[in-house]
Protein backbone atom coordinates (compact mmCIF):
# COMPACT_ATOMS: atom_id res chain seq x y z
CA UNK A 1 22.65 26.15 11.33
CA UNK A 2 25.01 22.72 10.57
CA UNK A 3 25.17 22.57 14.74
CA UNK A 4 21.43 22.42 14.76
CA UNK A 5 20.41 19.97 12.12
CA UNK A 6 23.94 18.03 14.08
CA UNK A 7 21.89 17.91 17.69
CA UNK A 8 18.03 17.11 15.21
CA UNK A 9 19.13 14.13 13.29
CA UNK A 10 20.21 11.72 16.16
CA UNK A 11 17.21 12.91 18.32
CA UNK A 12 15.42 11.81 15.19
CA UNK A 13 17.15 8.58 14.73
CA UNK A 14 16.69 7.59 18.21
CA UNK A 15 12.88 8.14 17.76
CA UNK A 16 12.77 6.02 14.73
CA UNK A 17 14.45 3.43 16.54
CA UNK A 18 12.86 3.62 19.83
CA UNK A 19 9.10 3.04 17.32
CA UNK A 20 10.75 -0.28 15.74
CA UNK A 21 12.09 -1.56 18.88
CA UNK A 22 8.60 -0.85 20.35
CA UNK A 23 6.62 -2.48 17.51
CA UNK A 24 9.52 -5.31 17.35
CA UNK A 25 9.07 -6.01 21.18
CA UNK A 26 5.09 -7.27 19.69
CA UNK A 27 4.90 -10.77 18.93
CA UNK A 28 2.63 -9.81 15.95
CA UNK A 29 4.40 -6.98 15.20
CA UNK A 30 7.68 -8.45 15.08
CA UNK A 31 6.41 -11.12 12.60
CA UNK A 32 4.54 -8.65 10.22
CA UNK A 33 7.46 -6.45 10.41
CA UNK A 34 9.31 -9.75 9.29
CA UNK A 35 7.15 -10.83 6.51
CA UNK A 36 7.17 -6.85 5.36
CA UNK A 37 10.42 -6.54 5.27
CA UNK A 38 10.89 -9.55 3.07
CA UNK A 39 8.76 -8.43 0.88
CA UNK A 40 10.43 -4.64 -0.02
CA UNK A 41 13.78 -6.81 0.22
CA UNK A 42 12.60 -8.92 -2.33
CA UNK A 43 11.21 -6.22 -4.35
CA UNK A 44 13.76 -4.04 -3.98
CA UNK A 45 16.59 -6.47 -5.44
CA UNK A 46 13.95 -8.79 -7.09
CA UNK A 47 16.37 -8.04 -10.30
CA UNK A 48 19.43 -9.40 -8.75
CA UNK A 49 17.41 -12.05 -7.12
CA UNK A 50 15.62 -13.90 -9.90
CA UNK A 51 17.35 -17.74 -10.81
CA UNK A 52 16.01 -17.41 -14.55
CA UNK A 53 14.67 -14.77 -16.87
CA UNK A 54 10.66 -14.41 -15.43
CA UNK A 55 10.24 -13.96 -19.30
CA UNK A 56 12.01 -16.36 -21.03
CA UNK A 57 10.22 -18.91 -22.73
CA UNK A 58 11.91 -22.09 -22.84
CA UNK A 59 8.95 -24.75 -24.56
CA UNK A 60 11.51 -27.65 -23.67
CA UNK A 61 10.51 -27.56 -20.45
CA UNK A 62 6.92 -26.42 -20.24
CA UNK A 63 5.39 -27.69 -17.37
CA UNK A 64 8.14 -29.25 -15.53
CA UNK A 65 7.29 -30.61 -11.70
CA UNK A 66 9.13 -28.71 -8.73
CA UNK A 67 12.80 -29.24 -8.17
CA UNK A 68 16.26 -28.54 -6.99
CA UNK A 69 16.11 -26.87 -10.80
CA UNK A 70 13.09 -24.84 -10.51
CA UNK A 71 11.76 -24.97 -7.11
CA UNK A 72 7.71 -24.02 -8.37
CA UNK A 73 8.43 -26.00 -11.22
CA UNK A 74 7.79 -24.17 -14.73
CA UNK A 75 3.86 -22.84 -16.71
CA UNK A 76 3.27 -23.78 -19.77
CA UNK A 77 5.54 -21.31 -21.91
CA UNK A 78 8.63 -23.02 -20.06
CA UNK A 79 9.25 -20.19 -17.76
CA UNK A 80 10.32 -20.38 -14.04
CA UNK A 81 7.44 -19.57 -11.57
CA UNK A 82 9.90 -18.43 -8.94
CA UNK A 83 11.84 -16.15 -11.05
CA UNK A 84 8.12 -14.82 -12.20
CA UNK A 85 7.27 -14.71 -8.49
CA UNK A 86 10.02 -13.01 -7.62
CA UNK A 87 9.54 -10.53 -10.15
CA UNK A 88 5.80 -9.85 -9.90
CA UNK A 89 6.80 -8.85 -5.83
CA UNK A 90 8.45 -6.07 -8.33
CA UNK A 91 5.16 -4.67 -9.93
CA UNK A 92 2.95 -5.23 -6.87
CA UNK A 93 5.27 -3.28 -4.35
CA UNK A 94 5.35 -0.61 -7.51
CA UNK A 95 1.36 -0.12 -7.79
CA UNK A 96 0.87 -0.24 -3.83
CA UNK A 97 3.53 2.47 -3.40
CA UNK A 98 2.35 4.68 -6.56
CA UNK A 99 -1.34 4.27 -5.54
CA UNK A 100 -0.58 4.61 -1.85
CA UNK A 101 1.57 7.09 -1.81
CA UNK A 102 -0.93 9.38 -4.48
CA UNK A 103 -3.99 8.66 -2.04
CA UNK A 104 -1.97 9.82 1.21
CA UNK A 105 -1.31 13.06 -0.72
CA UNK A 106 -4.45 13.81 -2.11
CA UNK A 107 -6.88 12.80 1.14
CA UNK A 108 -4.49 14.99 3.59
CA UNK A 109 -4.36 17.67 1.19
CA UNK A 110 -8.57 18.06 0.57
CA UNK A 111 -9.35 16.29 4.10
CA UNK A 112 -7.56 18.98 5.08
CA UNK A 113 -9.20 21.63 3.30
CA UNK A 114 -12.53 20.55 4.39
CA UNK A 115 -11.81 20.08 7.72
CA UNK A 116 -10.55 23.28 7.89
CA UNK A 117 -11.70 25.43 5.39
CA UNK A 118 -15.29 27.28 4.95
CA UNK A 119 -17.64 25.58 5.19
CA UNK A 120 -19.00 26.04 1.74
CA UNK A 121 -15.59 24.08 0.64
CA UNK A 122 -16.74 21.81 2.93
CA UNK A 123 -19.71 21.05 1.57
CA UNK A 124 -18.75 20.86 -2.02
CA UNK A 125 -15.94 18.10 -1.26
CA UNK A 126 -17.80 16.26 1.05
CA UNK A 127 -20.63 16.21 -2.09
CA UNK A 128 -17.51 15.24 -3.85
CA UNK A 129 -16.55 12.70 -2.34
CA UNK A 130 -19.49 10.95 -1.26
CA UNK A 131 -20.33 11.32 -5.41
CA UNK A 132 -17.32 9.19 -5.78
CA UNK A 133 -17.53 6.67 -3.08
CA UNK A 134 -20.90 5.78 -4.00
CA UNK A 135 -20.28 5.04 -7.27
CA UNK A 136 -19.85 0.63 -7.17
CA UNK A 137 -16.15 0.47 -7.66
CA UNK A 138 -16.09 -2.19 -10.00
CA UNK A 139 -18.33 -0.12 -12.57
CA UNK A 140 -15.51 2.77 -12.10
CA UNK A 141 -13.04 0.29 -12.50
CA UNK A 142 -14.21 -0.99 -15.61
CA UNK A 143 -15.30 2.54 -17.13
CA UNK A 144 -11.38 3.66 -16.68
CA UNK A 145 -10.05 0.44 -17.94
CA UNK A 146 -12.59 0.79 -20.93
CA UNK A 147 -11.42 4.38 -21.51
CA UNK A 148 -7.75 4.39 -20.45
CA UNK A 149 -6.38 0.65 -21.55
CA UNK A 150 -5.57 -2.02 -19.02
CA UNK A 151 -2.07 -0.75 -17.95
CA UNK A 152 -0.37 -0.70 -14.50
CA UNK A 153 -0.81 2.93 -14.43
CA UNK A 154 -4.57 2.93 -15.26
CA UNK A 155 -4.80 0.54 -12.14
CA UNK A 156 -2.77 2.93 -10.17
CA UNK A 157 -5.15 5.87 -11.45
CA UNK A 158 -8.41 3.53 -10.45
CA UNK A 159 -7.24 2.49 -6.77
CA UNK A 160 -6.25 6.28 -6.59
CA UNK A 161 -10.06 6.99 -7.59
CA UNK A 162 -11.47 5.20 -4.69
CA UNK A 163 -9.23 5.72 -2.19
CA UNK A 164 -8.89 8.96 -1.53
CA UNK A 165 -12.64 10.18 -0.81
CA UNK A 166 -12.08 7.68 2.15
CA UNK A 167 -8.55 9.21 2.70
CA UNK A 168 -10.04 12.69 2.84
CA UNK A 169 -13.04 12.07 5.01
CA UNK A 170 -10.80 10.18 7.70
CA UNK A 171 -8.32 13.46 7.75
CA UNK A 172 -11.68 16.03 7.70
CA UNK A 173 -12.85 13.98 10.85
CA UNK A 174 -9.79 14.40 12.77
CA UNK A 175 -9.23 18.31 11.54
CA UNK A 176 -13.12 19.14 12.70
CA UNK A 177 -12.18 17.67 16.64
CA UNK A 178 -8.09 18.66 16.27
CA UNK A 179 -9.01 22.26 15.14
CA UNK A 180 -11.23 23.77 17.99
CA UNK A 181 -8.55 22.82 20.90
CA UNK A 182 -7.01 25.07 22.92
CA UNK A 183 -3.61 25.29 21.24
CA UNK A 184 -4.60 26.04 17.81
CA UNK A 185 -7.28 28.97 19.07
CA UNK A 186 -4.54 30.34 20.78
CA UNK A 187 -2.00 29.91 17.90
CA UNK A 188 -4.76 31.42 15.55
CA UNK A 189 -5.24 34.23 18.21
CA UNK A 190 -1.79 35.25 18.04
CA UNK A 191 -2.57 35.39 14.17
CA UNK A 192 -0.96 32.93 12.63
CA UNK A 193 -2.12 31.68 8.78
CA UNK A 194 -3.88 29.13 8.32
CA UNK A 195 -1.71 27.29 6.24
CA UNK A 196 0.72 27.16 8.77
CA UNK A 197 -1.83 26.16 11.13
CA UNK A 198 -2.80 23.01 9.39
CA UNK A 199 0.73 22.25 8.43
CA UNK A 200 2.35 22.48 11.86
CA UNK A 201 -0.10 22.05 14.66
CA UNK A 202 -3.16 20.25 12.50
CA UNK A 203 -1.62 17.83 10.65
CA UNK A 204 0.69 16.50 12.61
CA UNK A 205 -2.13 15.21 15.24
CA UNK A 206 -4.43 13.63 12.67
CA UNK A 207 -1.93 12.22 10.73
CA UNK A 208 -1.48 8.47 12.58
CA UNK A 209 -4.43 7.43 11.87
CA UNK A 210 -4.35 7.19 8.61
CA UNK A 211 -0.34 6.25 8.83
CA UNK A 212 -2.42 2.68 10.43
CA UNK A 213 -5.01 2.63 7.48
CA UNK A 214 -2.64 3.46 4.38
CA UNK A 215 -0.28 0.67 6.15
CA UNK A 216 -3.45 -2.13 6.17
CA UNK A 217 -4.58 -0.67 2.62
CA UNK A 218 -1.00 -1.53 0.85
CA UNK A 219 -2.20 -5.60 0.36
CA UNK A 220 -5.73 -4.38 -0.54
CA UNK A 221 -3.74 -2.21 -3.28
CA UNK A 222 -2.00 -6.17 -4.37
CA UNK A 223 -4.81 -8.04 -4.56
CA UNK A 224 -7.34 -5.21 -6.41
CA UNK A 225 -4.30 -5.17 -9.07
CA UNK A 226 -3.83 -8.98 -9.12
CA UNK A 227 -7.54 -9.32 -9.17
CA UNK A 228 -7.62 -6.84 -12.26
CA UNK A 229 -3.95 -8.82 -13.84
CA UNK A 230 -5.75 -12.26 -13.13
CA UNK A 231 -9.09 -10.43 -15.43
CA UNK A 232 -6.98 -9.40 -18.02
CA UNK A 233 -7.37 -5.21 -17.49
CA UNK A 234 -4.38 -5.20 -15.72
CA UNK A 235 -0.82 -6.25 -16.06
CA UNK A 236 -0.63 -6.78 -19.88
CA UNK A 237 1.19 -10.40 -20.95
CA UNK A 238 4.13 -11.43 -20.50
CA UNK A 239 5.10 -9.38 -17.65
CA UNK A 240 5.33 -11.63 -14.14
CA UNK A 241 2.03 -9.98 -12.27
CA UNK A 242 1.06 -12.51 -9.45
CA UNK A 243 -2.73 -11.86 -10.63
CA UNK A 244 -1.32 -13.15 -14.29
CA UNK A 245 0.59 -16.39 -12.68
CA UNK A 246 -3.03 -17.22 -11.28
CA UNK A 247 -4.26 -17.17 -14.06
CA UNK A 248 -1.46 -19.16 -15.89
CA UNK A 249 -2.28 -21.57 -13.56
CA UNK A 250 -5.81 -21.55 -13.29
CA UNK A 251 -6.22 -23.68 -17.05
CA UNK A 252 -3.62 -26.14 -15.95
CA UNK A 253 -4.72 -26.58 -11.97
CA UNK A 254 -5.59 -29.96 -12.21
CA UNK A 255 -2.20 -31.26 -13.46
CA UNK A 256 0.33 -28.72 -12.63
CA UNK A 257 -1.11 -26.98 -9.05
CA UNK A 258 2.02 -25.51 -8.31
CA UNK A 259 1.62 -22.39 -10.44
CA UNK A 260 -1.51 -21.44 -8.43
CA UNK A 261 0.19 -22.26 -5.05
CA UNK A 262 3.33 -20.09 -5.97
CA UNK A 263 1.20 -17.19 -6.92
CA UNK A 264 -0.78 -16.91 -3.92
CA UNK A 265 1.15 -18.01 -1.75
CA UNK A 266 2.71 -14.62 -1.73
CA UNK A 267 -0.03 -12.66 -1.57
CA UNK A 268 -1.14 -14.28 1.65
CA UNK A 269 1.82 -13.38 2.77
CA UNK A 270 1.66 -9.87 1.53
CA UNK A 271 -1.76 -9.60 3.60
CA UNK A 272 -0.23 -11.09 6.94
CA UNK A 273 2.10 -8.56 7.22
CA UNK A 274 0.87 -5.83 5.93
CA UNK A 275 -2.20 -6.53 9.12
CA UNK A 276 -0.18 -7.49 11.37
CA UNK A 277 2.20 -4.25 10.93
CA UNK A 278 -0.75 -2.05 10.71
CA UNK A 279 -2.25 -3.28 14.51
CA UNK A 280 1.40 -2.78 15.79
CA UNK A 281 1.26 0.83 14.63
CA UNK A 282 -2.22 1.02 15.89
CA UNK A 283 -1.07 -0.43 19.41
CA UNK A 284 1.37 2.47 19.30
CA UNK A 285 0.11 5.38 17.78
CA UNK A 286 -2.79 5.23 19.83
CA UNK A 287 -1.78 5.98 23.41
CA UNK A 288 -4.59 4.27 24.61
CA UNK A 289 -3.66 1.36 23.27
CA UNK A 290 0.45 1.58 23.61
CA UNK A 291 1.95 -1.48 25.30
CA UNK A 292 5.02 -0.78 27.62
CA UNK A 293 8.55 -2.39 26.43
CA UNK A 294 9.42 -5.07 28.87
C-alpha cells in the first residue's frame, strides 16, 4: 500500500506542477496567479504583516496625511489605514472561502442528484432552484439580515443561498450530458450503483466548469461583503472590513481621500487577479481552448 502511495504522490505532484506551469506561461494567467498569491499571502499572514494594531484608537493621530510611518495615513479615530487594509484581507478571504466552499459543495451534491436522480427529484429541485433564483437578491439579503442580524455568518449565508442554485444548475446540465456517454452506460451495464457512477465517473467530468465559475465568483463574494459592510449590514465595527474602511472614508472623502483609495484598491486588485486566473483556468480546463506551452 505504501509503495502504491509513493508512486501516486509524485505523479499527482507532477500533474499539479505542470498545470501551474501552463497557467504561468500565459501572461494573463501569470498576472492573475501573482495577484491571487499576493492576496492569499497577505490574508494568511495578516497578523504578522500589520505595522500597527488595526483597531487601536489614537485620537491625537487622527486624519494624518500619508507618510513613511503611515503610508495610507490614518482615519478619523487615528487608526492606521494600511494596517486595517491588510487585516481586512483576512476577513475578505475568510468570507469568500467559506461561502464558495459551502456553495460549491451544495451545488455539486444537488446538481448531481438533479441530473442523475429520478425524474420527480429533478423536477422538485428545479422548482426549488427557480424559486430561490427568481427571488430578488437584495430583498433576500435584507430579509435574512433582518432576521439574523448583521454578522460575517449572515453574509456567508446570504451568498450561499444565492449561489447554490446557480452552481447546481450548471452541474445538472453537465451531468445530463455526461450520463448518456458510452463509458457511463457501460459501467451501469456492469452493475455499478448510482453513487459509484456519480462519484467516480460523472463528477470528475463535470467539475471543471464549476471550478472556473467558483474562481471568478471569489471577487463577487468579496464585493458583496464589502457592500453590505459599507451599508452597515455586514461586519460590525471595529472589524477592519474593506467595506467598513470605505464607509469611514466616504464621510471624509473631500479632505482625506486616501482612506477611500486604501479601501478601494484591494477590491480592484482582487477582482483583476481572480478574473485573470479564472480566464487562464478556463483555457486550460477546456481542451478546445488549451494553448500549448512554448
